[in-house]
PDB file of N, CA and C in Angstrom:
ATOM      1  N   UNK A   1      94.406 126.250  91.195  1.00  0.00           N
ATOM      2  CA  UNK A   1      94.142 124.890  91.614  1.00  0.00           C
ATOM      3  C   UNK A   1      92.716 124.484  91.251  1.00  0.00           C
ATOM      4  N   UNK A   2      91.778 125.419  91.382  1.00  0.00           N
ATOM      5  CA  UNK A   2      90.391 125.105  91.029  1.00  0.00           C
ATOM      6  C   UNK A   2      90.267 124.775  89.548  1.00  0.00           C
ATOM      7  N   UNK A   3      91.039 125.485  88.731  1.00  0.00           N
ATOM      8  CA  UNK A   3      90.974 125.252  87.292  1.00  0.00           C
ATOM      9  C   UNK A   3      91.410 123.826  86.959  1.00  0.00           C
ATOM     10  N   UNK A   4      92.507 123.361  87.557  1.00  0.00           N
ATOM     11  CA  UNK A   4      92.979 122.007  87.287  1.00  0.00           C
ATOM     12  C   UNK A   4      91.994 120.957  87.785  1.00  0.00           C
ATOM     13  N   UNK A   5      91.405 121.191  88.949  1.00  0.00           N
ATOM     14  CA  UNK A   5      90.396 120.260  89.462  1.00  0.00           C
ATOM     15  C   UNK A   5      89.190 120.231  88.531  1.00  0.00           C
ATOM     16  N   UNK A   6      88.809 121.390  88.015  1.00  0.00           N
ATOM     17  CA  UNK A   6      87.697 121.451  87.069  1.00  0.00           C
ATOM     18  C   UNK A   6      88.011 120.748  85.762  1.00  0.00           C
ATOM     19  N   UNK A   7      89.241 120.873  85.308  1.00  0.00           N
ATOM     20  CA  UNK A   7      89.641 120.195  84.076  1.00  0.00           C
ATOM     21  C   UNK A   7      89.621 118.683  84.255  1.00  0.00           C
ATOM     22  N   UNK A   8      90.104 118.210  85.383  1.00  0.00           N
ATOM     23  CA  UNK A   8      90.109 116.774  85.651  1.00  0.00           C
ATOM     24  C   UNK A   8      88.677 116.257  85.782  1.00  0.00           C
ATOM     25  N   UNK A   9      87.846 116.988  86.520  1.00  0.00           N
ATOM     26  CA  UNK A   9      86.446 116.588  86.668  1.00  0.00           C
ATOM     27  C   UNK A   9      85.749 116.587  85.313  1.00  0.00           C
ATOM     28  N   UNK A  10      86.001 117.581  84.489  1.00  0.00           N
ATOM     29  CA  UNK A  10      85.402 117.639  83.157  1.00  0.00           C
ATOM     30  C   UNK A  10      85.825 116.470  82.290  1.00  0.00           C
ATOM     31  N   UNK A  11      87.102 116.107  82.342  1.00  0.00           N
ATOM     32  CA  UNK A  11      87.587 114.966  81.560  1.00  0.00           C
ATOM     33  C   UNK A  11      86.938 113.668  82.034  1.00  0.00           C
ATOM     34  N   UNK A  12      86.800 113.517  83.339  1.00  0.00           N
ATOM     35  CA  UNK A  12      86.153 112.309  83.877  1.00  0.00           C
ATOM     36  C   UNK A  12      84.681 112.241  83.483  1.00  0.00           C
ATOM     37  N   UNK A  13      83.991 113.371  83.559  1.00  0.00           N
ATOM     38  CA  UNK A  13      82.579 113.397  83.162  1.00  0.00           C
ATOM     39  C   UNK A  13      82.420 113.117  81.670  1.00  0.00           C
ATOM     40  N   UNK A  14      83.294 113.674  80.855  1.00  0.00           N
ATOM     41  CA  UNK A  14      83.236 113.435  79.415  1.00  0.00           C
ATOM     42  C   UNK A  14      83.470 111.964  79.093  1.00  0.00           C
ATOM     43  N   UNK A  15      84.491 111.372  79.697  1.00  0.00           N
ATOM     44  CA  UNK A  15      84.793 109.965  79.458  1.00  0.00           C
ATOM     45  C   UNK A  15      83.653 109.071  79.937  1.00  0.00           C
ATOM     46  N   UNK A  16      83.127 109.378  81.108  1.00  0.00           N
ATOM     47  CA  UNK A  16      82.002 108.595  81.629  1.00  0.00           C
ATOM     48  C   UNK A  16      80.767 108.718  80.749  1.00  0.00           C
ATOM     49  N   UNK A  17      80.486 109.915  80.272  1.00  0.00           N
ATOM     50  CA  UNK A  17      79.339 110.119  79.394  1.00  0.00           C
ATOM     51  C   UNK A  17      79.476 109.380  78.079  1.00  0.00           C
ATOM     52  N   UNK A  18      80.665 109.403  77.506  1.00  0.00           N
ATOM     53  CA  UNK A  18      80.895 108.684  76.249  1.00  0.00           C
ATOM     54  C   UNK A  18      80.775 107.182  76.473  1.00  0.00           C
ATOM     55  N   UNK A  19      81.307 106.688  77.590  1.00  0.00           N
ATOM     56  CA  UNK A  19      81.208 105.254  77.882  1.00  0.00           C
ATOM     57  C   UNK A  19      79.744 104.836  78.025  1.00  0.00           C
ATOM     58  N   UNK A  20      78.964 105.620  78.738  1.00  0.00           N
ATOM     59  CA  UNK A  20      77.540 105.302  78.902  1.00  0.00           C
ATOM     60  C   UNK A  20      76.828 105.345  77.559  1.00  0.00           C
ATOM     61  N   UNK A  21      77.115 106.356  76.749  1.00  0.00           N
ATOM     62  CA  UNK A  21      76.496 106.452  75.427  1.00  0.00           C
ATOM     63  C   UNK A  21      76.837 105.234  74.578  1.00  0.00           C
ATOM     64  N   UNK A  22      78.118 104.858  74.550  1.00  0.00           N
ATOM     65  CA  UNK A  22      78.533 103.705  73.751  1.00  0.00           C
ATOM     66  C   UNK A  22      77.911 102.415  74.252  1.00  0.00           C
ATOM     67  N   UNK A  23      77.823 102.236  75.553  1.00  0.00           N
ATOM     68  CA  UNK A  23      77.279 100.982  76.078  1.00  0.00           C
ATOM     69  C   UNK A  23      75.770 100.888  75.861  1.00  0.00           C
ATOM     70  N   UNK A  24      75.089 102.014  75.761  1.00  0.00           N
ATOM     71  CA  UNK A  24      73.640 101.979  75.551  1.00  0.00           C
ATOM     72  C   UNK A  24      73.267 101.946  74.072  1.00  0.00           C
ATOM     73  N   UNK A  25      74.127 102.439  73.200  1.00  0.00           N
ATOM     74  CA  UNK A  25      73.744 102.551  71.796  1.00  0.00           C
ATOM     75  C   UNK A  25      74.166 101.358  70.955  1.00  0.00           C
ATOM     76  N   UNK A  26      74.970 100.475  71.486  1.00  0.00           N
ATOM     77  CA  UNK A  26      75.427  99.333  70.689  1.00  0.00           C
ATOM     78  C   UNK A  26      74.785  98.047  71.185  1.00  0.00           C
ATOM     79  N   UNK A  27      74.790  97.097  70.320  1.00  0.00           N
ATOM     80  CA  UNK A  27      74.243  95.792  70.654  1.00  0.00           C
ATOM     81  C   UNK A  27      75.127  94.734  70.032  1.00  0.00           C
ATOM     82  N   UNK A  28      75.277  93.627  70.721  1.00  0.00           N
ATOM     83  CA  UNK A  28      76.117  92.553  70.193  1.00  0.00           C
ATOM     84  C   UNK A  28      75.443  91.827  69.038  1.00  0.00           C
ATOM     85  N   UNK A  29      74.128  92.006  68.851  1.00  0.00           N
ATOM     86  CA  UNK A  29      73.427  91.332  67.763  1.00  0.00           C
ATOM     87  C   UNK A  29      73.194  92.240  66.567  1.00  0.00           C
ATOM     88  N   UNK A  30      73.626  93.490  66.653  1.00  0.00           N
ATOM     89  CA  UNK A  30      73.432  94.416  65.537  1.00  0.00           C
ATOM     90  C   UNK A  30      74.362  94.034  64.391  1.00  0.00           C
ATOM     91  N   UNK A  31      73.798  94.049  63.183  1.00  0.00           N
ATOM     92  CA  UNK A  31      74.622  93.788  62.004  1.00  0.00           C
ATOM     93  C   UNK A  31      74.016  94.512  60.811  1.00  0.00           C
ATOM     94  N   UNK A  32      74.724  94.551  59.737  1.00  0.00           N
ATOM     95  CA  UNK A  32      74.241  95.202  58.533  1.00  0.00           C
ATOM     96  C   UNK A  32      74.156  96.713  58.687  1.00  0.00           C
ATOM     97  N   UNK A  33      73.089  97.294  58.147  1.00  0.00           N
ATOM     98  CA  UNK A  33      72.931  98.749  58.163  1.00  0.00           C
ATOM     99  C   UNK A  33      72.720  99.290  59.572  1.00  0.00           C
ATOM    100  N   UNK A  34      72.106  98.508  60.433  1.00  0.00           N
ATOM    101  CA  UNK A  34      71.883  98.949  61.805  1.00  0.00           C
ATOM    102  C   UNK A  34      73.204  99.181  62.518  1.00  0.00           C
ATOM    103  N   UNK A  35      74.164  98.320  62.267  1.00  0.00           N
ATOM    104  CA  UNK A  35      75.468  98.463  62.903  1.00  0.00           C
ATOM    105  C   UNK A  35      76.166  99.736  62.436  1.00  0.00           C
ATOM    106  N   UNK A  36      75.948 100.130  61.191  1.00  0.00           N
ATOM    107  CA  UNK A  36      76.566 101.356  60.696  1.00  0.00           C
ATOM    108  C   UNK A  36      75.958 102.584  61.356  1.00  0.00           C
ATOM    109  N   UNK A  37      74.677 102.555  61.636  1.00  0.00           N
ATOM    110  CA  UNK A  37      74.018 103.690  62.269  1.00  0.00           C
ATOM    111  C   UNK A  37      74.372 103.810  63.738  1.00  0.00           C
ATOM    112  N   UNK A  38      74.663 102.716  64.375  1.00  0.00           N
ATOM    113  CA  UNK A  38      74.897 102.714  65.827  1.00  0.00           C
ATOM    114  C   UNK A  38      76.340 102.383  66.165  1.00  0.00           C
ATOM    115  N   UNK A  39      77.272 103.034  65.498  1.00  0.00           N
ATOM    116  CA  UNK A  39      78.680 102.804  65.790  1.00  0.00           C
ATOM    117  C   UNK A  39      79.038 103.470  67.108  1.00  0.00           C
ATOM    118  N   UNK A  40      80.050 102.922  67.760  1.00  0.00           N
ATOM    119  CA  UNK A  40      80.522 103.516  69.011  1.00  0.00           C
ATOM    120  C   UNK A  40      81.370 104.744  68.713  1.00  0.00           C
ATOM    121  N   UNK A  41      81.473 105.620  69.671  1.00  0.00           N
ATOM    122  CA  UNK A  41      82.289 106.816  69.525  1.00  0.00           C
ATOM    123  C   UNK A  41      83.760 106.451  69.715  1.00  0.00           C
ATOM    124  N   UNK A  42      84.039 105.558  70.644  1.00  0.00           N
ATOM    125  CA  UNK A  42      85.406 105.184  70.999  1.00  0.00           C
ATOM    126  C   UNK A  42      85.588 103.689  70.773  1.00  0.00           C
ATOM    127  N   UNK A  43      86.719 103.312  70.202  1.00  0.00           N
ATOM    128  CA  UNK A  43      87.076 101.902  70.103  1.00  0.00           C
ATOM    129  C   UNK A  43      87.731 101.521  71.428  1.00  0.00           C
ATOM    130  N   UNK A  44      86.963 100.911  72.317  1.00  0.00           N
ATOM    131  CA  UNK A  44      87.407 100.695  73.694  1.00  0.00           C
ATOM    132  C   UNK A  44      88.534  99.681  73.794  1.00  0.00           C
ATOM    133  N   UNK A  45      88.635  98.744  72.848  1.00  0.00           N
ATOM    134  CA  UNK A  45      89.750  97.792  72.864  1.00  0.00           C
ATOM    135  C   UNK A  45      91.072  98.513  72.614  1.00  0.00           C
ATOM    136  N   UNK A  46      91.078  99.410  71.646  1.00  0.00           N
ATOM    137  CA  UNK A  46      92.287 100.172  71.348  1.00  0.00           C
ATOM    138  C   UNK A  46      92.614 101.105  72.506  1.00  0.00           C
ATOM    139  N   UNK A  47      91.602 101.746  73.079  1.00  0.00           N
ATOM    140  CA  UNK A  47      91.827 102.644  74.207  1.00  0.00           C
ATOM    141  C   UNK A  47      92.433 101.890  75.392  1.00  0.00           C
ATOM    142  N   UNK A  48      91.963 100.678  75.645  1.00  0.00           N
ATOM    143  CA  UNK A  48      92.504  99.879  76.751  1.00  0.00           C
ATOM    144  C   UNK A  48      93.957  99.492  76.498  1.00  0.00           C
ATOM    145  N   UNK A  49      94.281  99.114  75.264  1.00  0.00           N
ATOM    146  CA  UNK A  49      95.670  98.738  74.975  1.00  0.00           C
ATOM    147  C   UNK A  49      96.591  99.952  75.042  1.00  0.00           C
ATOM    148  N   UNK A  50      96.118 101.113  74.591  1.00  0.00           N
ATOM    149  CA  UNK A  50      96.930 102.338  74.685  1.00  0.00           C
ATOM    150  C   UNK A  50      97.130 102.737  76.147  1.00  0.00           C
ATOM    151  N   UNK A  51      96.113 102.566  76.970  1.00  0.00           N
ATOM    152  CA  UNK A  51      96.220 102.895  78.395  1.00  0.00           C
ATOM    153  C   UNK A  51      97.250 101.988  79.067  1.00  0.00           C
ATOM    154  N   UNK A  52      97.207 100.686  78.736  1.00  0.00           N
ATOM    155  CA  UNK A  52      98.183  99.748  79.295  1.00  0.00           C
ATOM    156  C   UNK A  52      99.606 100.104  78.864  1.00  0.00           C
ATOM    157  N   UNK A  53      99.770 100.489  77.601  1.00  0.00           N
ATOM    158  CA  UNK A  53     101.090 100.881  77.112  1.00  0.00           C
ATOM    159  C   UNK A  53     101.579 102.138  77.826  1.00  0.00           C
ATOM    160  N   UNK A  54     100.693 103.089  78.060  1.00  0.00           N
ATOM    161  CA  UNK A  54     101.058 104.312  78.768  1.00  0.00           C
ATOM    162  C   UNK A  54     101.479 104.006  80.201  1.00  0.00           C
ATOM    163  N   UNK A  55     100.727 103.131  80.884  1.00  0.00           N
ATOM    164  CA  UNK A  55     101.087 102.763  82.257  1.00  0.00           C
ATOM    165  C   UNK A  55     102.448 102.082  82.313  1.00  0.00           C
ATOM    166  N   UNK A  56     102.696 101.160  81.385  1.00  0.00           N
ATOM    167  CA  UNK A  56     103.966 100.449  81.356  1.00  0.00           C
ATOM    168  C   UNK A  56     105.128 101.413  81.100  1.00  0.00           C
ATOM    169  N   UNK A  57     104.953 102.292  80.117  1.00  0.00           N
ATOM    170  CA  UNK A  57     106.010 103.253  79.806  1.00  0.00           C
ATOM    171  C   UNK A  57     106.256 104.202  80.972  1.00  0.00           C
ATOM    172  N   UNK A  58     105.192 104.624  81.651  1.00  0.00           N
ATOM    173  CA  UNK A  58     105.330 105.517  82.794  1.00  0.00           C
ATOM    174  C   UNK A  58     106.069 104.825  83.936  1.00  0.00           C
ATOM    175  N   UNK A  59     105.750 103.564  84.191  1.00  0.00           N
ATOM    176  CA  UNK A  59     106.442 102.823  85.243  1.00  0.00           C
ATOM    177  C   UNK A  59     107.925 102.672  84.931  1.00  0.00           C
ATOM    178  N   UNK A  60     108.259 102.365  83.682  1.00  0.00           N
ATOM    179  CA  UNK A  60     109.668 102.225  83.295  1.00  0.00           C
ATOM    180  C   UNK A  60     110.408 103.548  83.433  1.00  0.00           C
ATOM    181  N   UNK A  61     109.778 104.632  82.995  1.00  0.00           N
ATOM    182  CA  UNK A  61     110.398 105.944  83.097  1.00  0.00           C
ATOM    183  C   UNK A  61     110.567 106.365  84.563  1.00  0.00           C
ATOM    184  N   UNK A  62     109.610 106.018  85.402  1.00  0.00           N
ATOM    185  CA  UNK A  62     109.705 106.350  86.833  1.00  0.00           C
ATOM    186  C   UNK A  62     110.877 105.610  87.487  1.00  0.00           C
ATOM    187  N   UNK A  63     111.055 104.341  87.099  1.00  0.00           N
ATOM    188  CA  UNK A  63     112.174 103.568  87.643  1.00  0.00           C
ATOM    189  C   UNK A  63     113.487 104.181  87.201  1.00  0.00           C
ATOM    190  N   UNK A  64     113.584 104.594  85.931  1.00  0.00           N
ATOM    191  CA  UNK A  64     114.806 105.248  85.445  1.00  0.00           C
ATOM    192  C   UNK A  64     115.060 106.548  86.201  1.00  0.00           C
ATOM    193  N   UNK A  65     114.015 107.307  86.419  1.00  0.00           N
ATOM    194  CA  UNK A  65     114.151 108.610  87.061  1.00  0.00           C
ATOM    195  C   UNK A  65     114.568 108.470  88.512  1.00  0.00           C
ATOM    196  N   UNK A  66     114.013 107.523  89.217  1.00  0.00           N
ATOM    197  CA  UNK A  66     114.294 107.387  90.650  1.00  0.00           C
ATOM    198  C   UNK A  66     115.556 106.569  90.938  1.00  0.00           C
ATOM    199  N   UNK A  67     116.080 105.858  89.963  1.00  0.00           N
ATOM    200  CA  UNK A  67     117.260 105.021  90.205  1.00  0.00           C
ATOM    201  C   UNK A  67     118.553 105.852  90.233  1.00  0.00           C
ATOM    202  N   UNK A  68     118.525 107.023  89.660  1.00  0.00           N
ATOM    203  CA  UNK A  68     119.744 107.843  89.605  1.00  0.00           C
ATOM    204  C   UNK A  68     119.955 108.608  90.866  1.00  0.00           C
TER     205      UNK A  68
END
């Protein structure tokens, strides 16, 4: 049980660290060569849409599973 809690905590810390890094290293006014040097690690728009798709699919599958 400790191992799973550690894995979950590690994933949360990793995600939080990457989010902080991305939010501090990018700027909305960066363009040209500066923008190439300061790219984000994660495309957060794509990550958000994938998360929404996962939630929707999980909810549909849960309804199928519990309806029988």
